[in-house]
Amino acid sequence: MSQDNMMKLECTVCKTTNYHSRKNKKMLKERLEMKKHCEKCKTHTVHKETK
């Protein structure tokens, strides 16, 4: 598995890194935003891609 396709998803409320995922950088140029469950906040919040 290539590490250059990996990305981290960070909670916008509490700033913790909760998820890791892969994306095709040739197809998707902008940063990803997903609504995921944060264990620390205990709610569904927006998670943004970080470097």
C-alpha atoms as a PDB file:
ATOM      1  CA  MET A   1       0.000   0.000   0.000  1.00  0.00           C
ATOM      2  CA  SER A   2       1.386   3.330  -1.028  1.00  0.00           C
ATOM      3  CA  GLN A   3       1.743   5.972   1.667  1.00  0.00           C
ATOM      4  CA  ASP A   4       1.435   8.918  -0.714  1.00  0.00           C
ATOM      5  CA  ASN A   5      -2.283   8.171  -1.239  1.00  0.00           C
ATOM      6  CA  MET A   6      -3.038   8.123   2.484  1.00  0.00           C
ATOM      7  CA  MET A   7      -4.749  11.048   4.192  1.00  0.00           C
ATOM      8  CA  LYS A   8      -5.907  11.908   7.698  1.00  0.00           C
ATOM      9  CA  LEU A   9      -9.339  13.198   8.627  1.00  0.00           C
ATOM     10  CA  GLU A  10      -9.465  15.658  11.505  1.00  0.00           C
ATOM     11  CA  CYS A  11     -12.509  16.758  13.474  1.00  0.00           C
ATOM     12  CA  THR A  12     -13.286  20.456  13.000  1.00  0.00           C
ATOM     13  CA  VAL A  13     -14.665  20.836  16.538  1.00  0.00           C
ATOM     14  CA  CYS A  14     -12.082  19.172  18.795  1.00  0.00           C
ATOM     15  CA  LYS A  15      -9.157  18.932  16.277  1.00  0.00           C
ATOM     16  CA  THR A  16      -8.411  15.240  16.880  1.00  0.00           C
ATOM     17  CA  THR A  17      -7.381  12.898  14.084  1.00  0.00           C
ATOM     18  CA  ASN A  18      -9.929  10.087  14.028  1.00  0.00           C
ATOM     19  CA  TYR A  19      -9.842   8.507  10.585  1.00  0.00           C
ATOM     20  CA  HIS A  20      -7.343   7.517   7.905  1.00  0.00           C
ATOM     21  CA  SER A  21      -8.313   6.917   4.317  1.00  0.00           C
ATOM     22  CA  ARG A  22      -7.012   6.828   0.751  1.00  0.00           C
ATOM     23  CA  LYS A  23      -7.849   8.974  -2.227  1.00  0.00           C
ATOM     24  CA  ASN A  24      -6.792   9.276  -5.833  1.00  0.00           C
ATOM     25  CA  LYS A  25      -4.866  12.559  -6.017  1.00  0.00           C
ATOM     26  CA  LYS A  26      -5.066  12.663  -9.808  1.00  0.00           C
ATOM     27  CA  MET A  27      -8.858  12.684  -9.750  1.00  0.00           C
ATOM     28  CA  LEU A  28      -9.534  14.750  -6.607  1.00  0.00           C
ATOM     29  CA  LYS A  29      -7.495  17.944  -6.315  1.00  0.00           C
ATOM     30  CA  GLU A  30      -9.411  19.687  -3.504  1.00  0.00           C
ATOM     31  CA  ARG A  31      -9.423  18.637   0.121  1.00  0.00           C
ATOM     32  CA  LEU A  32     -12.059  16.211   1.279  1.00  0.00           C
ATOM     33  CA  GLU A  33     -14.783  16.986   3.839  1.00  0.00           C
ATOM     34  CA  MET A  34     -16.932  14.261   5.324  1.00  0.00           C
ATOM     35  CA  LYS A  35     -19.443  14.059   8.110  1.00  0.00           C
ATOM     36  CA  LYS A  36     -18.189  11.334  10.454  1.00  0.00           C
ATOM     37  CA  HIS A  37     -18.659  10.270  14.047  1.00  0.00           C
ATOM     38  CA  CYS A  38     -16.146  11.689  16.527  1.00  0.00           C
ATOM     39  CA  GLU A  39     -15.572   9.532  19.597  1.00  0.00           C
ATOM     40  CA  LYS A  40     -14.321  12.442  21.662  1.00  0.00           C
ATOM     41  CA  CYS A  41     -17.265  14.754  20.847  1.00  0.00           C
ATOM     42  CA  LYS A  42     -19.708  11.819  20.760  1.00  0.00           C
ATOM     43  CA  THR A  43     -21.592  13.342  17.815  1.00  0.00           C
ATOM     44  CA  HIS A  44     -21.412  13.440  14.046  1.00  0.00           C
ATOM     45  CA  THR A  45     -19.222  16.375  13.005  1.00  0.00           C
ATOM     46  CA  VAL A  46     -17.504  17.540   9.836  1.00  0.00           C
ATOM     47  CA  HIS A  47     -14.043  16.042   9.349  1.00  0.00           C
ATOM     48  CA  LYS A  48     -11.565  17.721   7.016  1.00  0.00           C
ATOM     49  CA  GLU A  49      -8.535  16.295   5.312  1.00  0.00           C
ATOM     50  CA  THR A  50      -5.168  17.241   6.803  1.00  0.00           C
ATOM     51  CA  LYS A  51      -1.637  16.701   5.595  1.00  0.00           C
END
